[in-house]
Amino acid sequence: MTLPKFEYFAPQTLHEAQQLLTDKGEGAHLLAGGTDLLVKMNHGLLKPASVIALKHIEGLGEISFDPKAGLKIGATALLADVAAHPDILKYYPAIAAAASETANVQIRNMGTVAGNLCNAAPSADNAPTLLAMNAKALISGRKGERQLPLDQFFMGPGKNALEPGEILTALHVPAPDSGTGVSYQHISARGKVDISAVCVGVMVRMKKNICSDARIFLGAVAPVPMRAFEAEAIVNGQELTEAMIEAAGKAASDQSKPITDVRSSADYRKKMVAVLTRRALTEARDRALNS
C-alpha cells in the first residue's frame, strides 16, 4: 500500500519541534522510532498531514543514571539500547527485561520506550514495570516543563495525557531502594514475535521476610495498564509464602477485566494473570532479599 502524502520535518531543537507541532495542529504527528506510526500509516489507519521527527534533537536519545537521582531514559533512546545499558542491567534488570522482550530485534533497533508508552496500547510491554517503579513522564510544552506520574499518563486505548503542543522528552525512574525487587513477566502467542497477551510488572519492598510494600500492575487486561490493588492488599505486611503469593495471583486475576481478541481469549488471559503475578512476586521477592 502506498503511504499517503505528508510533510516531513526534522527539527534540530526541542523548541523548533514544539513550534512545528503547534503550527501544524491536529494533523501533525511526532516520529520517534516509527514502529507504530509507520505501520498505522501503511495500513491506512492514520493519515497525518505532517510528520515531525525527533531523532535529530540533541540529548533526546540519552540514557543516564545517578545513584541518588535515579534513571533517565530519553524520548528517542532505542529499546535495544535500554535493554543492553550496563546501569539498567545492574540496577533496573526488570526494565531491561521488558525492553528486551518487546517485539523482535528489528523493532528494538528502531523503536523507543517512550514511543511504546505514547502509543498507549493496553499491552505496552514497557508500561507495567515502569508503573510499578513509580516512574514519571517528563513533558515539555508551550507552558514549560512538567512531570506527570506515569499512572496518570494513560487515558484509554491509544490515548495519553499529552496536551496539544506537548512532547514527552524523557522518563524518570527513582533510584531503587535497598530491600526492593522488581520483576517483569509476560506471555504471547508466538513468543517474541507477537504483542503480549498478558504482561505483569511487580515491585516489592522487603523487611527481612515481610513485604512492607507491593506495587502490582497488569497489562493487556483492561483499557489501560491497571493496578491490582486487591492483590497488593493481600501481601502488604505479610510474609511472602507460596500460599500468600498464590492468593495474590488469584486476586489479581479476579480484578482483571480482559477481553477476547485475536491474541487470546478473556478466560485464558485471566488464568495467565494469576500465573504471571505469582512468578513476578516470587522473582521480585527473591531479588529484594538478595539486594
Protein backbone atom coordinates (compact mmCIF):
# COMPACT_ATOMS: atom_id res chain seq x y z
CA MET A 1 0.00 0.00 0.00
CA THR A 2 1.28 3.46 -0.92
CA LEU A 3 1.75 5.82 2.01
CA PRO A 4 -0.40 8.97 1.98
CA LYS A 5 1.33 12.23 1.13
CA PHE A 6 2.57 14.25 4.10
CA GLU A 7 5.05 16.95 5.04
CA TYR A 8 8.20 15.75 6.76
CA PHE A 9 10.21 17.83 9.23
CA ALA A 10 13.46 17.05 11.04
CA PRO A 11 13.90 19.82 13.65
CA GLN A 12 17.27 20.25 15.33
CA THR A 13 15.98 21.61 18.64
CA LEU A 14 13.15 20.85 21.03
CA HIS A 15 11.85 24.41 20.68
CA GLU A 16 11.68 24.03 16.92
CA ALA A 17 9.80 20.74 17.26
CA GLN A 18 7.30 22.29 19.67
CA GLN A 19 6.74 25.21 17.34
CA LEU A 20 6.12 22.90 14.39
CA LEU A 21 3.76 20.77 16.45
CA THR A 22 1.80 23.88 17.41
CA ASP A 23 1.78 25.43 13.95
CA LYS A 24 0.73 22.27 12.12
CA GLY A 25 -2.08 21.50 14.53
CA GLU A 26 -4.13 18.30 14.73
CA GLY A 27 -2.70 16.82 11.53
CA ALA A 28 0.84 16.74 12.94
CA HIS A 29 2.32 13.58 14.43
CA LEU A 30 5.64 13.02 16.16
CA LEU A 31 8.05 10.35 14.95
CA ALA A 32 10.47 8.75 17.42
CA GLY A 33 11.25 5.23 16.15
CA GLY A 34 8.26 4.97 13.82
CA THR A 35 7.50 1.34 14.58
CA ASP A 36 3.89 2.18 15.46
CA LEU A 37 3.30 5.32 13.40
CA LEU A 38 4.56 3.95 10.09
CA VAL A 39 2.66 0.69 10.50
CA LYS A 40 -0.59 2.59 11.03
CA MET A 41 0.14 4.78 8.02
CA ASN A 42 0.99 1.76 5.88
CA HIS A 43 -2.33 0.14 6.76
CA GLY A 44 -4.31 3.29 6.14
CA LEU A 45 -5.27 3.65 9.81
CA LEU A 46 -3.59 7.06 10.11
CA LYS A 47 -3.13 9.79 7.51
CA PRO A 48 -1.05 12.57 9.07
CA ALA A 49 -0.67 15.86 7.26
CA SER A 50 2.75 16.39 8.86
CA VAL A 51 5.36 14.10 10.44
CA ILE A 52 7.87 15.67 12.83
CA ALA A 53 10.92 13.51 13.50
CA LEU A 54 12.65 13.81 16.88
CA LYS A 55 15.81 11.83 16.09
CA HIS A 56 17.97 14.85 15.28
CA ILE A 57 17.32 16.70 18.54
CA GLU A 58 20.45 16.57 20.66
CA GLY A 59 20.07 14.95 24.06
CA LEU A 60 16.74 13.20 23.49
CA GLY A 61 18.44 9.85 22.98
CA GLU A 62 20.48 9.91 26.18
CA ILE A 63 20.27 7.36 28.97
CA SER A 64 21.74 8.44 32.30
CA PHE A 65 21.89 7.02 35.81
CA ASP A 66 22.80 8.57 39.15
CA PRO A 67 22.69 6.54 42.39
CA LYS A 68 20.72 9.31 44.09
CA ALA A 69 18.76 10.91 41.25
CA GLY A 70 17.83 7.66 39.54
CA LEU A 71 17.44 6.71 35.88
CA LYS A 72 16.56 8.95 32.95
CA ILE A 73 15.58 7.48 29.59
CA GLY A 74 15.38 9.98 26.74
CA ALA A 75 12.47 10.03 24.31
CA THR A 76 14.48 8.67 21.39
CA ALA A 77 16.53 6.12 23.33
CA LEU A 78 16.16 2.82 21.48
CA LEU A 79 14.64 -0.25 23.10
CA ALA A 80 17.82 -2.15 22.21
CA ASP A 81 19.97 0.45 23.98
CA VAL A 82 17.79 0.31 27.10
CA ALA A 83 17.93 -3.50 27.11
CA ALA A 84 21.74 -3.50 26.87
CA HIS A 85 22.63 -0.50 29.04
CA PRO A 86 25.00 -1.63 31.84
CA ASP A 87 23.47 0.55 34.56
CA ILE A 88 19.95 -0.58 33.66
CA LEU A 89 21.03 -4.22 33.62
CA LYS A 90 22.64 -3.79 37.05
CA TYR A 91 20.15 -1.58 38.89
CA TYR A 92 16.93 -1.99 36.87
CA PRO A 93 17.02 -5.55 35.46
CA ALA A 94 13.24 -5.71 35.06
CA ILE A 95 13.26 -2.57 32.87
CA ALA A 96 15.98 -4.16 30.74
CA ALA A 97 13.94 -7.35 30.56
CA ALA A 98 10.80 -5.54 29.41
CA ALA A 99 12.72 -3.71 26.69
CA SER A 100 14.45 -6.90 25.57
CA GLU A 101 11.10 -8.74 25.37
CA THR A 102 9.41 -6.07 23.24
CA ALA A 103 8.63 -7.40 19.75
CA ASN A 104 11.69 -8.57 17.78
CA VAL A 105 15.26 -7.47 17.06
CA GLN A 106 14.28 -5.26 14.13
CA ILE A 107 11.68 -3.40 16.19
CA ARG A 108 14.02 -3.00 19.17
CA ASN A 109 16.68 -1.48 16.91
CA MET A 110 14.24 1.20 15.74
CA GLY A 111 11.58 1.57 18.41
CA THR A 112 11.79 3.53 21.65
CA VAL A 113 10.50 3.04 25.19
CA ALA A 114 8.86 6.48 25.08
CA GLY A 115 7.14 5.67 21.81
CA ASN A 116 5.88 2.39 23.22
CA LEU A 117 4.25 4.34 26.04
CA CYS A 118 2.93 7.22 23.92
CA ASN A 119 1.18 4.72 21.67
CA ALA A 120 -0.86 3.94 24.81
CA ALA A 121 -1.65 0.36 23.90
CA PRO A 122 -3.03 -1.57 26.91
CA SER A 123 -0.48 -4.27 26.10
CA ALA A 124 2.59 -1.99 26.07
CA ASP A 125 5.43 -4.19 27.35
CA ASN A 126 7.35 -1.37 28.99
CA ALA A 127 4.45 0.09 30.97
CA PRO A 128 3.86 -2.35 33.89
CA THR A 129 7.43 -2.33 35.22
CA LEU A 130 7.84 1.44 34.92
CA LEU A 131 4.48 1.93 36.63
CA ALA A 132 5.47 -0.44 39.42
CA MET A 133 8.66 1.57 39.96
CA ASN A 134 6.84 4.93 40.27
CA ALA A 135 8.22 6.33 37.02
CA LYS A 136 7.35 9.82 35.84
CA ALA A 137 6.93 11.28 32.37
CA LEU A 138 8.96 14.44 31.73
CA ILE A 139 6.92 16.61 29.41
CA SER A 140 7.77 19.84 27.60
CA GLY A 141 5.22 22.20 26.05
CA ARG A 142 4.32 25.81 25.39
CA LYS A 143 3.65 26.39 29.09
CA GLY A 144 7.03 24.99 30.11
CA GLU A 145 8.03 21.66 31.56
CA ARG A 146 6.04 19.39 33.84
CA GLN A 147 6.38 15.98 35.44
CA LEU A 148 3.47 13.58 35.36
CA PRO A 149 3.31 10.31 37.33
CA LEU A 150 3.13 7.56 34.77
CA ASP A 151 -0.02 6.14 36.35
CA GLN A 152 -1.78 9.33 35.19
CA PHE A 153 -0.39 9.16 31.65
CA PHE A 154 -2.68 6.52 30.14
CA MET A 155 -6.19 7.77 29.34
CA GLY A 156 -7.53 4.90 27.23
CA PRO A 157 -6.56 2.68 24.29
CA GLY A 158 -4.42 4.88 22.03
CA LYS A 159 -4.95 7.94 24.25
CA ASN A 160 -2.38 9.58 26.52
CA ALA A 161 -2.33 12.68 28.72
CA LEU A 162 -0.19 14.85 26.43
CA GLU A 163 -1.83 18.17 25.71
CA PRO A 164 -1.69 19.89 22.29
CA GLY A 165 1.86 21.03 21.57
CA GLU A 166 3.43 18.85 24.29
CA ILE A 167 6.27 16.39 23.80
CA LEU A 168 7.34 13.58 26.11
CA THR A 169 11.07 14.25 26.41
CA ALA A 170 12.15 11.58 28.89
CA LEU A 171 11.15 9.09 31.54
CA HIS A 172 12.46 9.28 35.09
CA VAL A 173 12.65 6.26 37.37
CA PRO A 174 13.63 6.72 41.04
CA ALA A 175 16.78 5.07 42.32
CA PRO A 176 15.97 1.61 43.71
CA ASP A 177 15.99 1.41 47.50
CA SER A 178 17.81 -1.30 49.37
CA GLY A 179 15.46 -4.19 50.02
CA THR A 180 13.40 -3.71 46.86
CA GLY A 181 13.00 -6.13 43.97
CA VAL A 182 11.25 -5.80 40.64
CA SER A 183 10.10 -8.34 38.08
CA TYR A 184 8.57 -8.29 34.61
CA GLN A 185 6.67 -11.28 33.24
CA HIS A 186 4.72 -11.67 30.01
CA ILE A 187 3.27 -14.20 27.61
CA SER A 188 2.31 -14.03 23.95
CA ALA A 189 1.02 -16.46 21.35
CA ARG A 190 4.26 -16.69 19.37
CA GLY A 191 6.97 -15.85 21.87
CA LYS A 192 8.83 -12.67 21.00
CA VAL A 193 7.04 -12.06 17.70
CA ASP A 194 3.59 -11.10 18.97
CA ILE A 195 2.35 -8.32 21.23
CA SER A 196 1.88 -9.57 24.78
CA ALA A 197 -1.40 -11.29 25.55
CA VAL A 198 -0.74 -10.53 29.24
CA CYS A 199 2.11 -8.72 30.97
CA VAL A 200 2.80 -8.04 34.65
CA GLY A 201 5.17 -5.72 36.48
CA VAL A 202 5.77 -6.06 40.24
CA MET A 203 7.88 -4.18 42.76
CA VAL A 204 8.11 -5.32 46.38
CA ARG A 205 9.93 -3.87 49.35
CA MET A 206 11.03 -6.46 51.90
CA LYS A 207 11.96 -6.04 55.57
CA LYS A 208 13.51 -9.37 56.44
CA ASN A 209 10.81 -11.82 55.29
CA ILE A 210 7.94 -9.35 55.45
CA CYS A 211 6.61 -7.48 52.45
CA SER A 212 6.27 -3.88 53.62
CA ASP A 213 5.03 -2.59 50.27
CA ALA A 214 3.99 -4.00 46.91
CA ARG A 215 3.00 -2.44 43.60
CA ILE A 216 1.45 -4.75 41.01
CA PHE A 217 0.49 -3.61 37.50
CA LEU A 218 -1.20 -5.65 34.79
CA GLY A 219 -1.06 -5.06 31.05
CA ALA A 220 -3.41 -6.17 28.23
CA VAL A 221 -6.29 -6.97 30.61
CA ALA A 222 -8.04 -3.58 30.80
CA PRO A 223 -8.37 -0.42 28.64
CA VAL A 224 -5.19 0.92 30.28
CA PRO A 225 -2.43 -0.77 32.31
CA MET A 226 -4.18 -1.41 35.62
CA ARG A 227 -3.04 -1.58 39.20
CA ALA A 228 -4.03 -4.73 41.12
CA PHE A 229 -4.90 -3.08 44.44
CA GLU A 230 -6.64 -6.15 45.88
CA ALA A 231 -3.61 -8.34 45.23
CA GLU A 232 -1.34 -5.74 46.83
CA ALA A 233 -3.54 -5.63 49.94
CA ILE A 234 -3.17 -9.38 50.41
CA VAL A 235 0.64 -9.34 50.53
CA ASN A 236 1.33 -6.00 52.22
CA GLY A 237 2.53 -6.57 55.77
CA GLN A 238 2.74 -10.31 55.24
CA GLU A 239 5.44 -12.92 54.77
CA LEU A 240 5.57 -13.80 51.09
CA THR A 241 4.93 -17.50 51.43
CA GLU A 242 3.82 -19.63 48.49
CA ALA A 243 0.27 -19.63 49.84
CA MET A 244 0.25 -15.84 50.13
CA ILE A 245 1.63 -15.45 46.61
CA GLU A 246 -0.99 -17.90 45.32
CA ALA A 247 -3.76 -15.83 46.92
CA ALA A 248 -2.38 -12.62 45.44
CA GLY A 249 -2.29 -14.17 41.98
CA LYS A 250 -5.93 -15.19 42.28
CA ALA A 251 -6.90 -11.70 43.47
CA ALA A 252 -5.13 -10.10 40.52
CA SER A 253 -6.91 -12.48 38.17
CA ASP A 254 -10.29 -11.71 39.72
CA GLN A 255 -9.69 -7.95 39.45
CA SER A 256 -8.58 -8.06 35.80
CA LYS A 257 -11.05 -7.22 33.05
CA PRO A 258 -9.69 -8.70 29.84
CA ILE A 259 -11.42 -9.04 26.50
CA THR A 260 -11.30 -11.76 23.88
CA ASP A 261 -9.47 -10.78 20.70
CA VAL A 262 -7.21 -12.29 18.04
CA ARG A 263 -4.36 -12.73 20.53
CA SER A 264 -6.18 -14.53 23.31
CA SER A 265 -9.48 -15.32 24.97
CA ALA A 266 -10.58 -13.44 28.06
CA ASP A 267 -10.66 -16.68 30.05
CA TYR A 268 -7.08 -17.57 29.12
CA ARG A 269 -5.90 -14.07 29.98
CA LYS A 270 -7.44 -14.31 33.44
CA LYS A 271 -5.68 -17.60 34.07
CA MET A 272 -2.37 -16.16 32.87
CA VAL A 273 -2.73 -13.10 35.13
CA ALA A 274 -2.70 -15.44 38.12
CA VAL A 275 0.29 -17.39 36.80
CA LEU A 276 2.38 -14.36 35.83
CA THR A 277 1.57 -12.47 39.04
CA ARG A 278 2.80 -15.43 41.05
CA ARG A 279 6.00 -15.61 39.01
CA ALA A 280 6.59 -11.88 39.26
CA LEU A 281 6.00 -11.76 43.02
CA THR A 282 8.35 -14.68 43.54
CA GLU A 283 11.14 -13.18 41.46
CA ALA A 284 10.68 -9.69 42.94
CA ARG A 285 10.77 -11.15 46.48
CA ASP A 286 13.94 -13.10 45.76
CA ARG A 287 15.64 -10.07 44.21
CA ALA A 288 14.65 -7.92 47.18
CA LEU A 289 16.02 -10.40 49.69
CA ASN A 290 19.30 -10.59 47.76
CA SER A 291 19.70 -6.85 47.15
